[in-house]
PDB file of N, CA and C in Angstrom:
ATOM      1  N   MET A   1     105.219 120.107 101.715  1.00  0.00           N
ATOM      2  CA  MET A   1     106.738 121.544 102.028  1.00  0.00           C
ATOM      3  C   MET A   1     107.827 120.887 101.485  1.00  0.00           C
ATOM      4  N   SER A   2     108.981 121.307 100.727  1.00  0.00           N
ATOM      5  CA  SER A   2     109.828 120.868 100.279  1.00  0.00           C
ATOM      6  C   SER A   2     110.697 120.235 101.171  1.00  0.00           C
ATOM      7  N   THR A   3     111.943 119.100 100.578  1.00  0.00           N
ATOM      8  CA  THR A   3     112.328 118.505 100.780  1.00  0.00           C
ATOM      9  C   THR A   3     113.621 119.599 102.127  1.00  0.00           C
ATOM     10  N   ILE A   4     114.083 120.726 100.862  1.00  0.00           N
ATOM     11  CA  ILE A   4     114.594 121.392 101.369  1.00  0.00           C
ATOM     12  C   ILE A   4     114.947 122.600 102.429  1.00  0.00           C
ATOM     13  N   LEU A   5     113.228 122.544 102.245  1.00  0.00           N
ATOM     14  CA  LEU A   5     112.665 123.756 103.358  1.00  0.00           C
ATOM     15  C   LEU A   5     112.371 123.116 104.854  1.00  0.00           C
ATOM     16  N   LYS A   6     112.265 121.968 104.623  1.00  0.00           N
ATOM     17  CA  LYS A   6     111.833 121.110 106.116  1.00  0.00           C
ATOM     18  C   LYS A   6     113.433 120.975 106.556  1.00  0.00           C
ATOM     19  N   ALA A   7     114.607 121.190 105.994  1.00  0.00           N
ATOM     20  CA  ALA A   7     116.038 121.280 106.406  1.00  0.00           C
ATOM     21  C   ALA A   7     115.986 122.185 106.688  1.00  0.00           C
ATOM     22  N   LEU A   8     116.071 123.399 105.950  1.00  0.00           N
ATOM     23  CA  LEU A   8     116.114 124.274 106.913  1.00  0.00           C
ATOM     24  C   LEU A   8     115.618 124.721 108.306  1.00  0.00           C
ATOM     25  N   ALA A   9     114.048 124.745 107.583  1.00  0.00           N
ATOM     26  CA  ALA A   9     113.922 124.928 109.209  1.00  0.00           C
ATOM     27  C   ALA A   9     113.849 124.439 110.500  1.00  0.00           C
ATOM     28  N   ASN A  10     114.459 122.997 110.384  1.00  0.00           N
ATOM     29  CA  ASN A  10     114.544 121.900 111.106  1.00  0.00           C
ATOM     30  C   ASN A  10     116.388 121.896 111.565  1.00  0.00           C
ATOM     31  N   ASP A  11     117.103 122.914 110.955  1.00  0.00           N
ATOM     32  CA  ASP A  11     118.588 123.137 110.979  1.00  0.00           C
ATOM     33  C   ASP A  11     119.326 121.751 110.875  1.00  0.00           C
ATOM     34  N   ASP A  12     118.720 121.306 109.513  1.00  0.00           N
ATOM     35  CA  ASP A  12     118.916 119.940 109.390  1.00  0.00           C
ATOM     36  C   ASP A  12     120.423 120.115 108.103  1.00  0.00           C
ATOM     37  N   LEU A  13     120.453 121.473 107.480  1.00  0.00           N
ATOM     38  CA  LEU A  13     121.138 121.523 106.625  1.00  0.00           C
ATOM     39  C   LEU A  13     122.643 121.526 106.610  1.00  0.00           C
ATOM     40  N   HIS A  14     123.724 120.423 105.821  1.00  0.00           N
ATOM     41  CA  HIS A  14     125.019 120.189 106.072  1.00  0.00           C
ATOM     42  C   HIS A  14     125.505 121.400 104.952  1.00  0.00           C
ATOM     43  N   VAL A  15     126.273 122.466 105.667  1.00  0.00           N
ATOM     44  CA  VAL A  15     126.517 123.700 104.509  1.00  0.00           C
ATOM     45  C   VAL A  15     127.964 123.669 104.806  1.00  0.00           C
ATOM     46  N   LEU A  16     128.529 123.166 105.992  1.00  0.00           N
ATOM     47  CA  LEU A  16     129.825 122.860 106.153  1.00  0.00           C
ATOM     48  C   LEU A  16     131.096 121.937 105.932  1.00  0.00           C
ATOM     49  N   GLU A  17     132.207 122.848 105.807  1.00  0.00           N
ATOM     50  CA  GLU A  17     133.586 121.679 104.825  1.00  0.00           C
ATOM     51  C   GLU A  17     133.034 120.362 105.678  1.00  0.00           C
ATOM     52  N   ILE A  18     132.658 119.873 105.971  1.00  0.00           N
ATOM     53  CA  ILE A  18     132.240 118.327 106.579  1.00  0.00           C
ATOM     54  C   ILE A  18     131.903 118.087 105.413  1.00  0.00           C
ATOM     55  N   THR A  19     130.438 118.786 104.350  1.00  0.00           N
ATOM     56  CA  THR A  19     130.061 117.746 103.631  1.00  0.00           C
ATOM     57  C   THR A  19     130.868 118.541 102.223  1.00  0.00           C
ATOM     58  N   GLU A  20     131.765 119.284 102.057  1.00  0.00           N
ATOM     59  CA  GLU A  20     132.659 119.943 100.653  1.00  0.00           C
ATOM     60  C   GLU A  20     134.396 119.225 100.835  1.00  0.00           C
ATOM     61  N   LYS A  21     134.680 118.896 100.430  1.00  0.00           N
ATOM     62  CA  LYS A  21     135.729 118.854 100.160  1.00  0.00           C
ATOM     63  C   LYS A  21     136.741 120.365  99.712  1.00  0.00           C
ATOM     64  N   ARG A  22     138.098 120.574 100.729  1.00  0.00           N
ATOM     65  CA  ARG A  22     138.413 122.004 100.587  1.00  0.00           C
ATOM     66  C   ARG A  22     139.245 121.933  98.463  1.00  0.00           C
ATOM     67  N   SER A  23     139.734 122.818  98.187  1.00  0.00           N
ATOM     68  CA  SER A  23     140.167 122.922  97.114  1.00  0.00           C
ATOM     69  C   SER A  23     141.616 122.922  97.140  1.00  0.00           C
ATOM     70  N   PRO A  24     142.330 121.820  96.565  1.00  0.00           N
ATOM     71  CA  PRO A  24     143.957 121.719  96.647  1.00  0.00           C
ATOM     72  C   PRO A  24     144.546 123.267  97.079  1.00  0.00           C
ATOM     73  N   GLU A  25     144.015 124.247  95.952  1.00  0.00           N
ATOM     74  CA  GLU A  25     145.097 125.303  96.940  1.00  0.00           C
ATOM     75  C   GLU A  25     144.455 126.105  98.156  1.00  0.00           C
ATOM     76  N   ARG A  26     143.485 125.642  98.345  1.00  0.00           N
ATOM     77  CA  ARG A  26     143.074 126.233  99.669  1.00  0.00           C
ATOM     78  C   ARG A  26     143.806 125.291 100.488  1.00  0.00           C
ATOM     79  N   GLN A  27     143.737 123.898 100.683  1.00  0.00           N
ATOM     80  CA  GLN A  27     144.574 123.504 101.540  1.00  0.00           C
ATOM     81  C   GLN A  27     145.824 123.323 101.919  1.00  0.00           C
ATOM     82  N   LYS A  28     146.470 124.174 100.320  1.00  0.00           N
ATOM     83  CA  LYS A  28     147.809 124.469 100.604  1.00  0.00           C
ATOM     84  C   LYS A  28     147.893 125.637 101.167  1.00  0.00           C
ATOM     85  N   LEU A  29     146.883 126.252 101.146  1.00  0.00           N
ATOM     86  CA  LEU A  29     147.435 127.971 102.216  1.00  0.00           C
ATOM     87  C   LEU A  29     146.689 127.776 103.649  1.00  0.00           C
ATOM     88  N   ILE A  30     146.128 126.710 103.999  1.00  0.00           N
ATOM     89  CA  ILE A  30     145.619 126.497 105.141  1.00  0.00           C
ATOM     90  C   ILE A  30     146.908 125.669 105.982  1.00  0.00           C
ATOM     91  N   ASP A  31     147.647 124.577 105.138  1.00  0.00           N
ATOM     92  CA  ASP A  31     148.959 124.092 105.600  1.00  0.00           C
ATOM     93  C   ASP A  31     150.039 125.430 105.783  1.00  0.00           C
ATOM     94  N   LEU A  32     150.128 125.851 104.859  1.00  0.00           N
ATOM     95  CA  LEU A  32     151.333 126.893 105.324  1.00  0.00           C
ATOM     96  C   LEU A  32     151.005 127.896 106.154  1.00  0.00           C
ATOM     97  N   SER A  33     149.537 128.193 106.661  1.00  0.00           N
ATOM     98  CA  SER A  33     149.311 129.053 107.790  1.00  0.00           C
ATOM     99  C   SER A  33     149.555 128.494 109.113  1.00  0.00           C
ATOM    100  N   VAL A  34     149.174 126.634 108.675  1.00  0.00           N
ATOM    101  CA  VAL A  34     149.153 126.270 110.074  1.00  0.00           C
ATOM    102  C   VAL A  34     151.217 126.265 110.472  1.00  0.00           C
ATOM    103  N   THR A  35     152.227 126.311 109.351  1.00  0.00           N
ATOM    104  CA  THR A  35     153.413 126.154 109.441  1.00  0.00           C
ATOM    105  C   THR A  35     153.718 127.682 109.929  1.00  0.00           C
ATOM    106  N   LEU A  36     153.378 128.865 109.271  1.00  0.00           N
ATOM    107  CA  LEU A  36     153.977 129.990 109.284  1.00  0.00           C
ATOM    108  C   LEU A  36     153.515 130.452 110.804  1.00  0.00           C
ATOM    109  N   ARG A  37     152.130 130.169 111.450  1.00  0.00           N
ATOM    110  CA  ARG A  37     151.811 130.397 112.841  1.00  0.00           C
ATOM    111  C   ARG A  37     152.709 129.477 113.951  1.00  0.00           C
ATOM    112  N   ALA A  38     153.215 128.470 113.575  1.00  0.00           N
ATOM    113  CA  ALA A  38     154.175 127.718 114.767  1.00  0.00           C
ATOM    114  C   ALA A  38     155.072 128.086 114.272  1.00  0.00           C
ATOM    115  N   LYS A  39     155.984 128.498 113.172  1.00  0.00           N
ATOM    116  CA  LYS A  39     157.403 129.084 113.504  1.00  0.00           C
ATOM    117  C   LYS A  39     157.276 130.515 114.229  1.00  0.00           C
ATOM    118  N   LEU A  40     156.480 131.453 114.038  1.00  0.00           N
ATOM    119  CA  LEU A  40     155.977 132.574 114.767  1.00  0.00           C
ATOM    120  C   LEU A  40     156.508 132.241 116.230  1.00  0.00           C
ATOM    121  N   GLU A  41     155.209 131.432 116.690  1.00  0.00           N
ATOM    122  CA  GLU A  41     155.228 131.300 118.122  1.00  0.00           C
ATOM    123  C   GLU A  41     156.531 130.764 118.501  1.00  0.00           C
ATOM    124  N   GLN A  42     157.513 129.994 117.940  1.00  0.00           N
ATOM    125  CA  GLN A  42     158.392 129.918 118.773  1.00  0.00           C
ATOM    126  C   GLN A  42     159.615 130.782 118.600  1.00  0.00           C
ATOM    127  N   GLN A  43     159.049 131.885 118.523  1.00  0.00           N
ATOM    128  CA  GLN A  43     160.002 132.790 118.493  1.00  0.00           C
ATOM    129  C   GLN A  43     159.387 134.230 119.314  1.00  0.00           C
ATOM    130  N   LEU A  44     158.285 134.135 119.690  1.00  0.00           N
ATOM    131  CA  LEU A  44     157.949 134.475 120.645  1.00  0.00           C
ATOM    132  C   LEU A  44     157.560 134.547 122.123  1.00  0.00           C
ATOM    133  N   ASP A  45     157.330 135.434 123.004  1.00  0.00           N
ATOM    134  CA  ASP A  45     157.304 135.280 124.275  1.00  0.00           C
ATOM    135  C   ASP A  45     155.417 134.936 124.651  1.00  0.00           C
ATOM    136  N   ASN A  46     155.553 134.712 125.474  1.00  0.00           N
ATOM    137  CA  ASN A  46     153.903 134.322 126.282  1.00  0.00           C
ATOM    138  C   ASN A  46     153.027 135.674 126.129  1.00  0.00           C
ATOM    139  N   LYS A  47     153.698 136.577 125.989  1.00  0.00           N
ATOM    140  CA  LYS A  47     152.868 138.134 125.926  1.00  0.00           C
ATOM    141  C   LYS A  47     152.198 138.144 124.491  1.00  0.00           C
ATOM    142  N   ASP A  48     153.666 137.937 123.433  1.00  0.00           N
ATOM    143  CA  ASP A  48     153.449 138.197 121.871  1.00  0.00           C
ATOM    144  C   ASP A  48     152.413 137.119 121.417  1.00  0.00           C
ATOM    145  N   LYS A  49     152.924 136.133 122.246  1.00  0.00           N
ATOM    146  CA  LYS A  49     151.742 134.722 121.598  1.00  0.00           C
ATOM    147  C   LYS A  49     150.212 134.960 121.265  1.00  0.00           C
ATOM    148  N   GLU A  50     150.001 135.436 123.044  1.00  0.00           N
ATOM    149  CA  GLU A  50     148.415 135.829 123.309  1.00  0.00           C
ATOM    150  C   GLU A  50     148.448 137.237 122.574  1.00  0.00           C
ATOM    151  N   LEU A  51     149.113 138.461 121.883  1.00  0.00           N
ATOM    152  CA  LEU A  51     149.105 139.357 121.336  1.00  0.00           C
ATOM    153  C   LEU A  51     148.769 138.663 119.589  1.00  0.00           C
ATOM    154  N   LEU A  52     149.193 138.041 119.231  1.00  0.00           N
ATOM    155  CA  LEU A  52     149.020 137.023 118.112  1.00  0.00           C
ATOM    156  C   LEU A  52     148.015 136.488 117.832  1.00  0.00           C
ATOM    157  N   ALA A  53     147.861 135.599 119.063  1.00  0.00           N
ATOM    158  CA  ALA A  53     146.481 134.908 119.503  1.00  0.00           C
ATOM    159  C   ALA A  53     144.728 135.866 119.281  1.00  0.00           C
ATOM    160  N   GLN A  54     144.947 137.318 119.677  1.00  0.00           N
ATOM    161  CA  GLN A  54     144.453 137.709 119.440  1.00  0.00           C
ATOM    162  C   GLN A  54     144.079 138.564 118.129  1.00  0.00           C
ATOM    163  N   LEU A  55     144.868 138.628 117.231  1.00  0.00           N
ATOM    164  CA  LEU A  55     145.007 139.466 116.130  1.00  0.00           C
ATOM    165  C   LEU A  55     144.455 138.157 115.237  1.00  0.00           C
ATOM    166  N   ILE A  56     144.752 136.484 115.069  1.00  0.00           N
ATOM    167  CA  ILE A  56     144.422 136.072 114.542  1.00  0.00           C
ATOM    168  C   ILE A  56     142.850 135.758 114.910  1.00  0.00           C
ATOM    169  N   ASN A  57     142.608 135.621 115.883  1.00  0.00           N
ATOM    170  CA  ASN A  57     141.063 135.771 116.003  1.00  0.00           C
ATOM    171  C   ASN A  57     140.056 137.149 115.893  1.00  0.00           C
ATOM    172  N   THR A  58     141.048 138.166 115.594  1.00  0.00           N
ATOM    173  CA  THR A  58     139.695 139.203 115.246  1.00  0.00           C
ATOM    174  C   THR A  58     139.604 139.264 113.621  1.00  0.00           C
ATOM    175  N   ILE A  59     141.175 138.743 113.258  1.00  0.00           N
ATOM    176  CA  ILE A  59     141.092 138.575 111.606  1.00  0.00           C
ATOM    177  C   ILE A  59     139.845 137.403 111.185  1.00  0.00           C
ATOM    178  N   TYR A  60     139.944 136.321 111.860  1.00  0.00           N
ATOM    179  CA  TYR A  60     139.134 135.488 111.285  1.00  0.00           C
ATOM    180  C   TYR A  60     137.759 135.829 111.283  1.00  0.00           C
ATOM    181  N   ASP A  61     137.292 137.039 112.853  1.00  0.00           N
ATOM    182  CA  ASP A  61     135.959 137.323 113.267  1.00  0.00           C
ATOM    183  C   ASP A  61     135.436 137.978 112.010  1.00  0.00           C
ATOM    184  N   GLU A  62     136.630 139.035 111.537  1.00  0.00           N
ATOM    185  CA  GLU A  62     136.267 140.007 110.797  1.00  0.00           C
ATOM    186  C   GLU A  62     135.488 139.137 108.953  1.00  0.00           C
ATOM    187  N   THR A  63     136.883 138.265 108.715  1.00  0.00           N
ATOM    188  CA  THR A  63     136.192 137.519 108.061  1.00  0.00           C
ATOM    189  C   THR A  63     134.890 136.295 107.407  1.00  0.00           C
ATOM    190  N   SER A  64     135.156 136.101 108.613  1.00  0.00           N
ATOM    191  CA  SER A  64     133.956 135.295 109.271  1.00  0.00           C
ATOM    192  C   SER A  64     132.337 136.267 108.964  1.00  0.00           C
ATOM    193  N   LEU A  65     132.624 137.573 109.639  1.00  0.00           N
ATOM    194  CA  LEU A  65     131.353 138.352 108.781  1.00  0.00           C
ATOM    195  C   LEU A  65     131.441 139.363 107.205  1.00  0.00           C
ATOM    196  N   TYR A  66     132.121 139.393 106.869  1.00  0.00           N
ATOM    197  CA  TYR A  66     132.789 139.311 105.687  1.00  0.00           C
ATOM    198  C   TYR A  66     132.034 138.382 104.812  1.00  0.00           C
ATOM    199  N   ALA A  67     132.391 136.992 104.937  1.00  0.00           N
ATOM    200  CA  ALA A  67     132.073 135.724 104.058  1.00  0.00           C
ATOM    201  C   ALA A  67     130.390 135.886 104.239  1.00  0.00           C
ATOM    202  N   GLN A  68     129.951 136.079 105.409  1.00  0.00           N
ATOM    203  CA  GLN A  68     128.421 136.221 105.860  1.00  0.00           C
ATOM    204  C   GLN A  68     127.705 136.959 104.763  1.00  0.00           C
ATOM    205  N   ASP A  69     128.153 138.484 105.129  1.00  0.00           N
ATOM    206  CA  ASP A  69     128.057 139.286 104.275  1.00  0.00           C
ATOM    207  C   ASP A  69     127.631 139.243 102.565  1.00  0.00           C
ATOM    208  N   ARG A  70     128.735 138.414 102.180  1.00  0.00           N
ATOM    209  CA  ARG A  70     128.513 138.319 100.918  1.00  0.00           C
ATOM    210  C   ARG A  70     127.791 137.611 100.476  1.00  0.00           C
ATOM    211  N   PHE A  71     127.306 136.008 101.691  1.00  0.00           N
ATOM    212  CA  PHE A  71     126.234 135.023 101.297  1.00  0.00           C
ATOM    213  C   PHE A  71     125.127 135.875 101.101  1.00  0.00           C
ATOM    214  N   MET A  72     124.891 136.586 101.939  1.00  0.00           N
ATOM    215  CA  MET A  72     123.580 137.269 101.958  1.00  0.00           C
ATOM    216  C   MET A  72     123.634 138.076 100.763  1.00  0.00           C
ATOM    217  N   ARG A  73     124.817 139.226 100.630  1.00  0.00           N
ATOM    218  CA  ARG A  73     124.066 139.455  99.073  1.00  0.00           C
ATOM    219  C   ARG A  73     124.348 139.032  97.885  1.00  0.00           C
ATOM    220  N   GLY A  74     124.893 137.497  97.769  1.00  0.00           N
ATOM    221  CA  GLY A  74     124.520 136.794  96.634  1.00  0.00           C
ATOM    222  C   GLY A  74     123.475 136.419  96.528  1.00  0.00           C
ATOM    223  N   TYR A  75     123.133 135.951  97.348  1.00  0.00           N
ATOM    224  CA  TYR A  75     121.185 135.563  97.865  1.00  0.00           C
ATOM    225  C   TYR A  75     120.377 135.811  97.842  1.00  0.00           C
ATOM    226  N   GLN A  76     120.289 137.439  97.890  1.00  0.00           N
ATOM    227  CA  GLN A  76     119.657 138.386  97.121  1.00  0.00           C
ATOM    228  C   GLN A  76     119.454 138.947  95.936  1.00  0.00           C
ATOM    229  N   LEU A  77     120.687 138.780  95.315  1.00  0.00           N
ATOM    230  CA  LEU A  77     121.248 139.006  93.786  1.00  0.00           C
ATOM    231  C   LEU A  77     120.638 137.579  93.257  1.00  0.00           C
ATOM    232  N   GLY A  78     120.882 136.413  93.710  1.00  0.00           N
ATOM    233  CA  GLY A  78     119.917 135.341  93.380  1.00  0.00           C
ATOM    234  C   GLY A  78     118.438 135.180  93.028  1.00  0.00           C
ATOM    235  N   VAL A  79     118.073 135.283  94.194  1.00  0.00           N
ATOM    236  CA  VAL A  79     116.799 135.992  94.560  1.00  0.00           C
ATOM    237  C   VAL A  79     116.245 136.810  93.169  1.00  0.00           C
ATOM    238  N   LEU A  80     116.865 137.799  93.077  1.00  0.00           N
ATOM    239  CA  LEU A  80     116.242 139.242  92.401  1.00  0.00           C
ATOM    240  C   LEU A  80     116.344 138.736  90.959  1.00  0.00           C
ATOM    241  N   MET A  81     117.419 137.741  90.227  1.00  0.00           N
ATOM    242  CA  MET A  81     117.598 137.279  89.053  1.00  0.00           C
ATOM    243  C   MET A  81     116.279 136.341  89.210  1.00  0.00           C
ATOM    244  N   THR A  82     115.984 135.509  89.976  1.00  0.00           N
ATOM    245  CA  THR A  82     114.982 134.349  89.956  1.00  0.00           C
ATOM    246  C   THR A  82     113.734 135.522  89.338  1.00  0.00           C
ATOM    247  N   ALA A  83     113.639 136.349  90.434  1.00  0.00           N
ATOM    248  CA  ALA A  83     112.206 137.231  90.326  1.00  0.00           C
ATOM    249  C   ALA A  83     111.980 137.753  88.730  1.00  0.00           C
ATOM    250  N   GLU A  84     113.283 137.973  88.470  1.00  0.00           N
ATOM    251  CA  GLU A  84     113.179 138.922  87.356  1.00  0.00           C
ATOM    252  C   GLU A  84     112.712 137.909  85.886  1.00  0.00           C
ATOM    253  N   VAL A  85     113.364 136.530  85.914  1.00  0.00           N
ATOM    254  CA  VAL A  85     113.019 135.618  85.368  1.00  0.00           C
ATOM    255  C   VAL A  85     111.752 135.077  85.292  1.00  0.00           C
ATOM    256  N   PHE A  86     110.984 134.955  86.463  1.00  0.00           N
ATOM    257  CA  PHE A  86     109.128 134.677  86.260  1.00  0.00           C
ATOM    258  C   PHE A  86     108.584 135.763  86.181  1.00  0.00           C
ATOM    259  N   SER A  87     109.144 137.134  86.113  1.00  0.00           N
ATOM    260  CA  SER A  87     108.060 138.516  85.526  1.00  0.00           C
ATOM    261  C   SER A  87     107.967 138.190  84.297  1.00  0.00           C
ATOM    262  N   GLU A  88     109.268 137.926  83.361  1.00  0.00           N
ATOM    263  CA  GLU A  88     108.971 137.832  82.093  1.00  0.00           C
ATOM    264  C   GLU A  88     109.244 136.313  81.742  1.00  0.00           C
ATOM    265  N   LYS A  89     108.331 135.341  82.095  1.00  0.00           N
ATOM    266  CA  LYS A  89     108.485 134.249  81.590  1.00  0.00           C
ATOM    267  C   LYS A  89     107.360 133.863  80.003  1.00  0.00           C
ATOM    268  N   ASP A  90     106.516 135.254  80.346  1.00  0.00           N
ATOM    269  CA  ASP A  90     105.373 135.382  78.940  1.00  0.00           C
ATOM    270  C   ASP A  90     106.244 135.589  77.580  1.00  0.00           C
ATOM    271  N   ILE A  91     107.501 135.802  77.525  1.00  0.00           N
ATOM    272  CA  ILE A  91     108.314 136.341  76.254  1.00  0.00           C
ATOM    273  C   ILE A  91     108.358 134.779  75.502  1.00  0.00           C
ATOM    274  N   PHE A  92     108.407 133.411  76.416  1.00  0.00           N
ATOM    275  CA  PHE A  92     108.295 132.587  75.388  1.00  0.00           C
ATOM    276  C   PHE A  92     107.297 132.083  75.221  1.00  0.00           C
ATOM    277  N   LEU A  93     106.110 132.622  75.418  1.00  0.00           N
ATOM    278  CA  LEU A  93     104.963 132.111  74.534  1.00  0.00           C
ATOM    279  C   LEU A  93     104.575 132.640  73.586  1.00  0.00           C
ATOM    280  N   ASN A  94     103.496 131.711  72.741  1.00  0.00           N
ATOM    281  CA  ASN A  94     103.221 132.425  71.280  1.00  0.00           C
ATOM    282  C   ASN A  94     101.999 133.491  71.564  1.00  0.00           C
ATOM    283  N   GLN A  95     102.142 134.335  71.955  1.00  0.00           N
ATOM    284  CA  GLN A  95     100.490 135.306  72.029  1.00  0.00           C
ATOM    285  C   GLN A  95     100.011 135.174  70.941  1.00  0.00           C
ATOM    286  N   ASN A  96     100.133 134.638  69.863  1.00  0.00           N
ATOM    287  CA  ASN A  96      99.052 134.904  69.035  1.00  0.00           C
ATOM    288  C   ASN A  96      98.178 133.161  69.468  1.00  0.00           C
ATOM    289  N   LYS A  97      98.550 132.541  69.658  1.00  0.00           N
ATOM    290  CA  LYS A  97      97.666 131.298  70.243  1.00  0.00           C
ATOM    291  C   LYS A  97      97.028 131.488  71.306  1.00  0.00           C
ATOM    292  N   LEU A  98      97.102 132.365  72.374  1.00  0.00           N
ATOM    293  CA  LEU A  98      96.986 132.753  73.346  1.00  0.00           C
ATOM    294  C   LEU A  98      95.323 133.475  73.184  1.00  0.00           C
ATOM    295  N   GLU A  99      95.309 133.746  72.173  1.00  0.00           N
ATOM    296  CA  GLU A  99      94.111 134.908  72.136  1.00  0.00           C
ATOM    297  C   GLU A  99      93.240 134.177  71.706  1.00  0.00           C
TER     298      GLU A  99
END
């Protein structure tokens, strides 16, 4: 079995941000969202802060599901493309020499 398949089977793949650096553009957006949230929370009472937290958590959950769907769709497309490449591998062979 290949190393990558063993890692996948044993849940040893490191695919989270720990192994990848964020792009500068993404880091700017993260920093901005933290700043804006802190500013907004200063203006809210406890009830409104709880509502804001629920909104943020709901958006996060939806975004996570959307990312998961995109990943699975992309993976399926990649496998389909790979299958197509392998099904047409004979186009590179000289048929005259094979006969």
